[in-house]
PDB file of N, CA and C in Angstrom:
ATOM      1  N   MET A   1    -166.672 116.109  57.891  1.00  0.00           N
ATOM      2  CA  MET A   1    -166.360 117.426  57.347  1.00  0.00           C
ATOM      3  C   MET A   1    -167.432 118.428  57.773  1.00  0.00           C
ATOM      4  N   ILE A   2    -166.972 119.595  58.070  1.00  0.00           N
ATOM      5  CA  ILE A   2    -167.870 120.681  58.455  1.00  0.00           C
ATOM      6  C   ILE A   2    -167.867 121.706  57.331  1.00  0.00           C
ATOM      7  N   ASP A   3    -169.044 122.095  56.890  1.00  0.00           N
ATOM      8  CA  ASP A   3    -169.155 123.154  55.884  1.00  0.00           C
ATOM      9  C   ASP A   3    -169.138 124.500  56.581  1.00  0.00           C
ATOM     10  N   PHE A   4    -168.424 125.442  56.044  1.00  0.00           N
ATOM     11  CA  PHE A   4    -168.475 126.806  56.546  1.00  0.00           C
ATOM     12  C   PHE A   4    -168.367 127.762  55.368  1.00  0.00           C
ATOM     13  N   GLN A   5    -168.717 128.991  55.616  1.00  0.00           N
ATOM     14  CA  GLN A   5    -168.689 130.013  54.579  1.00  0.00           C
ATOM     15  C   GLN A   5    -167.516 130.956  54.822  1.00  0.00           C
ATOM     16  N   LYS A   6    -166.719 131.181  53.815  1.00  0.00           N
ATOM     17  CA  LYS A   6    -165.623 132.126  53.902  1.00  0.00           C
ATOM     18  C   LYS A   6    -166.037 133.400  53.166  1.00  0.00           C
ATOM     19  N   ALA A   7    -165.926 134.529  53.836  1.00  0.00           N
ATOM     20  CA  ALA A   7    -166.310 135.809  53.235  1.00  0.00           C
ATOM     21  C   ALA A   7    -165.137 136.384  52.450  1.00  0.00           C
ATOM     22  N   LYS A   8    -165.454 136.988  51.327  1.00  0.00           N
ATOM     23  CA  LYS A   8    -164.448 137.612  50.484  1.00  0.00           C
ATOM     24  C   LYS A   8    -165.008 138.945  50.005  1.00  0.00           C
ATOM     25  N   LYS A   9    -164.224 139.995  50.127  1.00  0.00           N
ATOM     26  CA  LYS A   9    -164.691 141.308  49.732  1.00  0.00           C
ATOM     27  C   LYS A   9    -164.729 141.423  48.213  1.00  0.00           C
ATOM     28  N   ARG A  10    -165.886 141.882  47.686  1.00  0.00           N
ATOM     29  CA  ARG A  10    -166.052 142.043  46.239  1.00  0.00           C
ATOM     30  C   ARG A  10    -165.853 143.488  45.804  1.00  0.00           C
ATOM     31  N   VAL A  11    -166.507 144.400  46.486  1.00  0.00           N
ATOM     32  CA  VAL A  11    -166.446 145.818  46.120  1.00  0.00           C
ATOM     33  C   VAL A  11    -166.338 146.650  47.386  1.00  0.00           C
ATOM     34  N   SER A  12    -165.866 147.872  47.239  1.00  0.00           N
ATOM     35  CA  SER A  12    -165.799 148.780  48.384  1.00  0.00           C
ATOM     36  C   SER A  12    -166.996 149.719  48.361  1.00  0.00           C
ATOM     37  N   ILE A  13    -167.859 149.551  49.345  1.00  0.00           N
ATOM     38  CA  ILE A  13    -169.018 150.429  49.500  1.00  0.00           C
ATOM     39  C   ILE A  13    -169.026 150.888  50.952  1.00  0.00           C
ATOM     40  N   PRO A  14    -169.022 152.177  51.185  1.00  0.00           N
ATOM     41  CA  PRO A  14    -169.100 152.652  52.568  1.00  0.00           C
ATOM     42  C   PRO A  14    -170.433 152.235  53.205  1.00  0.00           C
ATOM     43  N   SER A  15    -170.428 152.053  54.507  1.00  0.00           N
ATOM     44  CA  SER A  15    -171.650 151.666  55.227  1.00  0.00           C
ATOM     45  C   SER A  15    -172.792 152.636  54.956  1.00  0.00           C
ATOM     46  N   GLY A  16    -172.484 153.916  54.974  1.00  0.00           N
ATOM     47  CA  GLY A  16    -173.525 154.923  54.750  1.00  0.00           C
ATOM     48  C   GLY A  16    -174.178 154.787  53.394  1.00  0.00           C
ATOM     49  N   GLU A  17    -173.381 154.436  52.394  1.00  0.00           N
ATOM     50  CA  GLU A  17    -173.938 154.259  51.055  1.00  0.00           C
ATOM     51  C   GLU A  17    -174.847 153.036  51.000  1.00  0.00           C
ATOM     52  N   SER A  18    -174.490 151.986  51.747  1.00  0.00           N
ATOM     53  CA  SER A  18    -175.358 150.802  51.774  1.00  0.00           C
ATOM     54  C   SER A  18    -176.699 151.139  52.411  1.00  0.00           C
ATOM     55  N   VAL A  19    -176.697 151.978  53.447  1.00  0.00           N
ATOM     56  CA  VAL A  19    -177.956 152.417  54.064  1.00  0.00           C
ATOM     57  C   VAL A  19    -178.791 153.162  53.028  1.00  0.00           C
ATOM     58  N   ARG A  20    -178.160 154.095  52.320  1.00  0.00           N
ATOM     59  CA  ARG A  20    -178.874 154.896  51.319  1.00  0.00           C
ATOM     60  C   ARG A  20    -179.451 154.018  50.212  1.00  0.00           C
ATOM     61  N   ILE A  21    -178.654 153.093  49.705  1.00  0.00           N
ATOM     62  CA  ILE A  21    -179.098 152.224  48.610  1.00  0.00           C
ATOM     63  C   ILE A  21    -180.310 151.402  49.032  1.00  0.00           C
ATOM     64  N   ILE A  22    -180.223 150.766  50.185  1.00  0.00           N
ATOM     65  CA  ILE A  22    -181.330 149.917  50.642  1.00  0.00           C
ATOM     66  C   ILE A  22    -182.563 150.768  50.928  1.00  0.00           C
ATOM     67  N   ARG A  23    -182.362 151.940  51.517  1.00  0.00           N
ATOM     68  CA  ARG A  23    -183.504 152.850  51.782  1.00  0.00           C
ATOM     69  C   ARG A  23    -184.179 153.242  50.469  1.00  0.00           C
ATOM     70  N   GLU A  24    -183.390 153.625  49.479  1.00  0.00           N
ATOM     71  CA  GLU A  24    -183.961 154.043  48.198  1.00  0.00           C
ATOM     72  C   GLU A  24    -184.633 152.886  47.469  1.00  0.00           C
ATOM     73  N   LEU A  25    -184.060 151.686  47.548  1.00  0.00           N
ATOM     74  CA  LEU A  25    -184.696 150.522  46.931  1.00  0.00           C
ATOM     75  C   LEU A  25    -186.073 150.247  47.531  1.00  0.00           C
ATOM     76  N   GLN A  26    -186.251 150.608  48.791  1.00  0.00           N
ATOM     77  CA  GLN A  26    -187.534 150.414  49.451  1.00  0.00           C
ATOM     78  C   GLN A  26    -188.435 151.645  49.337  1.00  0.00           C
ATOM     79  N   GLU A  27    -187.976 152.607  48.526  1.00  0.00           N
ATOM     80  CA  GLU A  27    -188.729 153.833  48.251  1.00  0.00           C
ATOM     81  C   GLU A  27    -189.094 154.589  49.521  1.00  0.00           C
ATOM     82  N   LEU A  28    -188.127 154.658  50.438  1.00  0.00           N
ATOM     83  CA  LEU A  28    -188.301 155.409  51.674  1.00  0.00           C
ATOM     84  C   LEU A  28    -187.479 156.686  51.606  1.00  0.00           C
ATOM     85  N   SER A  29    -188.006 157.750  52.174  1.00  0.00           N
ATOM     86  CA  SER A  29    -187.234 158.980  52.291  1.00  0.00           C
ATOM     87  C   SER A  29    -186.419 158.915  53.578  1.00  0.00           C
ATOM     88  N   GLN A  30    -185.479 159.823  53.716  1.00  0.00           N
ATOM     89  CA  GLN A  30    -184.732 159.901  54.973  1.00  0.00           C
ATOM     90  C   GLN A  30    -185.687 160.209  56.125  1.00  0.00           C
ATOM     91  N   ASN A  31    -186.690 161.055  55.877  1.00  0.00           N
ATOM     92  CA  ASN A  31    -187.677 161.362  56.919  1.00  0.00           C
ATOM     93  C   ASN A  31    -188.482 160.130  57.303  1.00  0.00           C
ATOM     94  N   ASP A  32    -188.866 159.313  56.314  1.00  0.00           N
ATOM     95  CA  ASP A  32    -189.585 158.066  56.602  1.00  0.00           C
ATOM     96  C   ASP A  32    -188.747 157.178  57.523  1.00  0.00           C
ATOM     97  N   LEU A  33    -187.467 157.028  57.172  1.00  0.00           N
ATOM     98  CA  LEU A  33    -186.581 156.174  57.950  1.00  0.00           C
ATOM     99  C   LEU A  33    -186.376 156.738  59.355  1.00  0.00           C
ATOM    100  N   ALA A  34    -186.280 158.034  59.453  1.00  0.00           N
ATOM    101  CA  ALA A  34    -186.139 158.676  60.771  1.00  0.00           C
ATOM    102  C   ALA A  34    -187.351 158.378  61.650  1.00  0.00           C
ATOM    103  N   LYS A  35    -188.546 158.476  61.075  1.00  0.00           N
ATOM    104  CA  LYS A  35    -189.767 158.190  61.840  1.00  0.00           C
ATOM    105  C   LYS A  35    -189.836 156.719  62.245  1.00  0.00           C
ATOM    106  N   MET A  36    -189.421 155.831  61.359  1.00  0.00           N
ATOM    107  CA  MET A  36    -189.483 154.394  61.635  1.00  0.00           C
ATOM    108  C   MET A  36    -188.493 153.961  62.716  1.00  0.00           C
ATOM    109  N   THR A  37    -187.357 154.652  62.797  1.00  0.00           N
ATOM    110  CA  THR A  37    -186.283 154.231  63.699  1.00  0.00           C
ATOM    111  C   THR A  37    -186.151 155.081  64.956  1.00  0.00           C
ATOM    112  N   GLY A  38    -186.674 156.295  64.917  1.00  0.00           N
ATOM    113  CA  GLY A  38    -186.455 157.210  66.034  1.00  0.00           C
ATOM    114  C   GLY A  38    -185.085 157.878  65.978  1.00  0.00           C
ATOM    115  N   ILE A  39    -184.338 157.619  64.908  1.00  0.00           N
ATOM    116  CA  ILE A  39    -183.035 158.263  64.705  1.00  0.00           C
ATOM    117  C   ILE A  39    -183.297 159.596  64.013  1.00  0.00           C
ATOM    118  N   PRO A  40    -182.767 160.692  64.541  1.00  0.00           N
ATOM    119  CA  PRO A  40    -183.021 161.996  63.909  1.00  0.00           C
ATOM    120  C   PRO A  40    -182.610 162.026  62.431  1.00  0.00           C
ATOM    121  N   HIS A  41    -183.388 162.766  61.645  1.00  0.00           N
ATOM    122  CA  HIS A  41    -183.101 162.921  60.221  1.00  0.00           C
ATOM    123  C   HIS A  41    -181.670 163.388  60.001  1.00  0.00           C
ATOM    124  N   SER A  42    -181.205 164.337  60.809  1.00  0.00           N
ATOM    125  CA  SER A  42    -179.842 164.857  60.644  1.00  0.00           C
ATOM    126  C   SER A  42    -178.799 163.763  60.846  1.00  0.00           C
ATOM    127  N   THR A  43    -179.067 162.816  61.729  1.00  0.00           N
ATOM    128  CA  THR A  43    -178.143 161.702  61.964  1.00  0.00           C
ATOM    129  C   THR A  43    -178.154 160.741  60.782  1.00  0.00           C
ATOM    130  N   ILE A  44    -179.345 160.465  60.240  1.00  0.00           N
ATOM    131  CA  ILE A  44    -179.428 159.593  59.060  1.00  0.00           C
ATOM    132  C   ILE A  44    -178.687 160.231  57.891  1.00  0.00           C
ATOM    133  N   LEU A  45    -178.860 161.520  57.707  1.00  0.00           N
ATOM    134  CA  LEU A  45    -178.144 162.245  56.656  1.00  0.00           C
ATOM    135  C   LEU A  45    -176.633 162.118  56.859  1.00  0.00           C
ATOM    136  N   ALA A  46    -176.166 162.299  58.081  1.00  0.00           N
ATOM    137  CA  ALA A  46    -174.729 162.201  58.382  1.00  0.00           C
ATOM    138  C   ALA A  46    -174.215 160.774  58.168  1.00  0.00           C
ATOM    139  N   ILE A  47    -175.019 159.763  58.518  1.00  0.00           N
ATOM    140  CA  ILE A  47    -174.627 158.364  58.294  1.00  0.00           C
ATOM    141  C   ILE A  47    -174.483 158.105  56.800  1.00  0.00           C
ATOM    142  N   GLU A  48    -175.485 158.510  56.021  1.00  0.00           N
ATOM    143  CA  GLU A  48    -175.461 158.257  54.580  1.00  0.00           C
ATOM    144  C   GLU A  48    -174.316 158.979  53.881  1.00  0.00           C
ATOM    145  N   ASN A  49    -173.875 160.091  54.450  1.00  0.00           N
ATOM    146  CA  ASN A  49    -172.751 160.838  53.873  1.00  0.00           C
ATOM    147  C   ASN A  49    -171.424 160.477  54.533  1.00  0.00           C
ATOM    148  N   ASP A  50    -171.446 159.413  55.356  1.00  0.00           N
ATOM    149  CA  ASP A  50    -170.252 158.917  56.046  1.00  0.00           C
ATOM    150  C   ASP A  50    -169.537 159.993  56.857  1.00  0.00           C
ATOM    151  N   ARG A  51    -170.321 160.875  57.463  1.00  0.00           N
ATOM    152  CA  ARG A  51    -169.743 161.884  58.351  1.00  0.00           C
ATOM    153  C   ARG A  51    -169.694 161.383  59.789  1.00  0.00           C
ATOM    154  N   ILE A  52    -170.531 160.382  60.111  1.00  0.00           N
ATOM    155  CA  ILE A  52    -170.473 159.743  61.429  1.00  0.00           C
ATOM    156  C   ILE A  52    -170.547 158.233  61.234  1.00  0.00           C
ATOM    157  N   ASN A  53    -170.022 157.493  62.195  1.00  0.00           N
ATOM    158  CA  ASN A  53    -170.049 156.029  62.136  1.00  0.00           C
ATOM    159  C   ASN A  53    -171.464 155.518  62.303  1.00  0.00           C
ATOM    160  N   LEU A  54    -171.750 154.433  61.624  1.00  0.00           N
ATOM    161  CA  LEU A  54    -173.056 153.802  61.740  1.00  0.00           C
ATOM    162  C   LEU A  54    -173.260 153.282  63.157  1.00  0.00           C
ATOM    163  N   GLY A  55    -172.322 152.550  63.682  1.00  0.00           N
ATOM    164  CA  GLY A  55    -172.426 152.023  65.039  1.00  0.00           C
ATOM    165  C   GLY A  55    -173.371 150.830  65.121  1.00  0.00           C
ATOM    166  N   VAL A  56    -173.125 149.973  66.093  1.00  0.00           N
ATOM    167  CA  VAL A  56    -173.884 148.734  66.234  1.00  0.00           C
ATOM    168  C   VAL A  56    -175.357 148.980  66.526  1.00  0.00           C
ATOM    169  N   GLU A  57    -175.661 149.824  67.482  1.00  0.00           N
ATOM    170  CA  GLU A  57    -177.061 150.050  67.864  1.00  0.00           C
ATOM    171  C   GLU A  57    -177.852 150.705  66.733  1.00  0.00           C
ATOM    172  N   ARG A  58    -177.245 151.675  66.061  1.00  0.00           N
ATOM    173  CA  ARG A  58    -177.922 152.301  64.916  1.00  0.00           C
ATOM    174  C   ARG A  58    -178.114 151.286  63.800  1.00  0.00           C
ATOM    175  N   ALA A  59    -177.098 150.450  63.562  1.00  0.00           N
ATOM    176  CA  ALA A  59    -177.205 149.421  62.517  1.00  0.00           C
ATOM    177  C   ALA A  59    -178.366 148.485  62.817  1.00  0.00           C
ATOM    178  N   LYS A  60    -178.526 148.086  64.075  1.00  0.00           N
ATOM    179  CA  LYS A  60    -179.633 147.202  64.455  1.00  0.00           C
ATOM    180  C   LYS A  60    -180.978 147.877  64.204  1.00  0.00           C
ATOM    181  N   SER A  61    -181.091 149.121  64.608  1.00  0.00           N
ATOM    182  CA  SER A  61    -182.342 149.861  64.431  1.00  0.00           C
ATOM    183  C   SER A  61    -182.675 150.058  62.958  1.00  0.00           C
ATOM    184  N   LEU A  62    -181.686 150.457  62.176  1.00  0.00           N
ATOM    185  CA  LEU A  62    -181.898 150.657  60.738  1.00  0.00           C
ATOM    186  C   LEU A  62    -182.217 149.340  60.050  1.00  0.00           C
ATOM    187  N   ALA A  63    -181.528 148.264  60.439  1.00  0.00           N
ATOM    188  CA  ALA A  63    -181.768 146.955  59.829  1.00  0.00           C
ATOM    189  C   ALA A  63    -183.196 146.480  60.095  1.00  0.00           C
ATOM    190  N   ARG A  64    -183.698 146.702  61.307  1.00  0.00           N
ATOM    191  CA  ARG A  64    -185.090 146.323  61.604  1.00  0.00           C
ATOM    192  C   ARG A  64    -186.043 147.079  60.684  1.00  0.00           C
ATOM    193  N   ALA A  65    -185.819 148.376  60.542  1.00  0.00           N
ATOM    194  CA  ALA A  65    -186.700 149.202  59.706  1.00  0.00           C
ATOM    195  C   ALA A  65    -186.584 148.826  58.226  1.00  0.00           C
ATOM    196  N   LEU A  66    -185.383 148.481  57.789  1.00  0.00           N
ATOM    197  CA  LEU A  66    -185.138 148.165  56.378  1.00  0.00           C
ATOM    198  C   LEU A  66    -185.288 146.666  56.081  1.00  0.00           C
ATOM    199  N   THR A  67    -185.672 145.908  57.085  1.00  0.00           N
ATOM    200  CA  THR A  67    -185.855 144.448  56.993  1.00  0.00           C
ATOM    201  C   THR A  67    -184.664 143.748  56.322  1.00  0.00           C
ATOM    202  N   CYS A  68    -183.492 143.993  56.877  1.00  0.00           N
ATOM    203  CA  CYS A  68    -182.285 143.316  56.423  1.00  0.00           C
ATOM    204  C   CYS A  68    -181.446 142.974  57.654  1.00  0.00           C
ATOM    205  N   HIS A  69    -180.419 142.193  57.476  1.00  0.00           N
ATOM    206  CA  HIS A  69    -179.526 141.850  58.572  1.00  0.00           C
ATOM    207  C   HIS A  69    -178.572 143.029  58.798  1.00  0.00           C
ATOM    208  N   PRO A  70    -178.258 143.357  60.054  1.00  0.00           N
ATOM    209  CA  PRO A  70    -177.335 144.475  60.314  1.00  0.00           C
ATOM    210  C   PRO A  70    -175.997 144.345  59.590  1.00  0.00           C
ATOM    211  N   ALA A  71    -175.518 143.116  59.376  1.00  0.00           N
ATOM    212  CA  ALA A  71    -174.237 142.923  58.685  1.00  0.00           C
ATOM    213  C   ALA A  71    -174.277 143.455  57.253  1.00  0.00           C
ATOM    214  N   VAL A  72    -175.448 143.459  56.652  1.00  0.00           N
ATOM    215  CA  VAL A  72    -175.587 144.002  55.291  1.00  0.00           C
ATOM    216  C   VAL A  72    -175.229 145.487  55.286  1.00  0.00           C
ATOM    217  N   LEU A  73    -175.560 146.171  56.375  1.00  0.00           N
ATOM    218  CA  LEU A  73    -175.272 147.598  56.483  1.00  0.00           C
ATOM    219  C   LEU A  73    -173.837 147.856  56.949  1.00  0.00           C
ATOM    220  N   VAL A  74    -173.371 147.044  57.877  1.00  0.00           N
ATOM    221  CA  VAL A  74    -172.061 147.263  58.478  1.00  0.00           C
ATOM    222  C   VAL A  74    -170.920 146.769  57.594  1.00  0.00           C
ATOM    223  N   PHE A  75    -171.147 145.651  56.881  1.00  0.00           N
ATOM    224  CA  PHE A  75    -170.110 145.058  56.032  1.00  0.00           C
ATOM    225  C   PHE A  75    -170.591 144.920  54.589  1.00  0.00           C
ATOM    226  N   PRO A  76    -170.924 146.023  53.926  1.00  0.00           N
ATOM    227  CA  PRO A  76    -171.398 145.918  52.542  1.00  0.00           C
ATOM    228  C   PRO A  76    -170.272 145.451  51.614  1.00  0.00           C
ATOM    229  N   GLY A  77    -170.656 144.752  50.563  1.00  0.00           N
ATOM    230  CA  GLY A  77    -169.681 144.362  49.548  1.00  0.00           C
ATOM    231  C   GLY A  77    -168.959 143.066  49.814  1.00  0.00           C
ATOM    232  N   TRP A  78    -169.371 142.280  50.807  1.00  0.00           N
ATOM    233  CA  TRP A  78    -168.715 141.005  51.079  1.00  0.00           C
ATOM    234  C   TRP A  78    -169.465 139.881  50.402  1.00  0.00           C
ATOM    235  N   GLU A  79    -168.719 139.004  49.766  1.00  0.00           N
ATOM    236  CA  GLU A  79    -169.283 137.849  49.065  1.00  0.00           C
ATOM    237  C   GLU A  79    -169.013 136.609  49.920  1.00  0.00           C
ATOM    238  N   VAL A  80    -169.953 135.702  49.952  1.00  0.00           N
ATOM    239  CA  VAL A  80    -169.785 134.480  50.739  1.00  0.00           C
ATOM    240  C   VAL A  80    -169.566 133.312  49.788  1.00  0.00           C
ATOM    241  N   GLU A  81    -168.490 132.550  50.022  1.00  0.00           N
ATOM    242  CA  GLU A  81    -168.185 131.371  49.223  1.00  0.00           C
ATOM    243  C   GLU A  81    -168.331 130.140  50.112  1.00  0.00           C
ATOM    244  N   SER A  82    -168.730 129.047  49.546  1.00  0.00           N
ATOM    245  CA  SER A  82    -168.828 127.801  50.287  1.00  0.00           C
ATOM    246  C   SER A  82    -167.488 127.087  50.245  1.00  0.00           C
ATOM    247  N   GLU A  83    -167.006 126.661  51.422  1.00  0.00           N
ATOM    248  CA  GLU A  83    -165.759 125.913  51.514  1.00  0.00           C
ATOM    249  C   GLU A  83    -165.952 124.775  52.496  1.00  0.00           C
ATOM    250  N   HIS A  84    -165.052 123.813  52.460  1.00  0.00           N
ATOM    251  CA  HIS A  84    -165.101 122.669  53.372  1.00  0.00           C
ATOM    252  C   HIS A  84    -163.872 122.698  54.265  1.00  0.00           C
ATOM    253  N   ALA A  85    -164.093 122.334  55.529  1.00  0.00           N
ATOM    254  CA  ALA A  85    -162.984 122.227  56.473  1.00  0.00           C
ATOM    255  C   ALA A  85    -162.957 120.806  57.045  1.00  0.00           C
ATOM    256  N   ALA A  86    -161.800 120.354  57.374  1.00  0.00           N
ATOM    257  CA  ALA A  86    -161.673 119.002  57.937  1.00  0.00           C
ATOM    258  C   ALA A  86    -161.885 119.024  59.426  1.00  0.00           C
TER     259      ALA A  86
END
């Protein structure tokens, strides 16, 4: 038997809101995050307000700065359950 994890959505949180939540939990300002990532403040503001897509490269850069996995930012609200497959 092979163990694998099946993802199940728990809540709906936009990607931009997940960026904002994690940034605020780490007590960083948007300007702090902009300096850490090289992403302009205006772009971070637009991401957090869901006016522009996060995108893979931005997610990677933000995840490095926020010390989290990019999937946490791109797919917020997913729960992982343990299941068995034959």
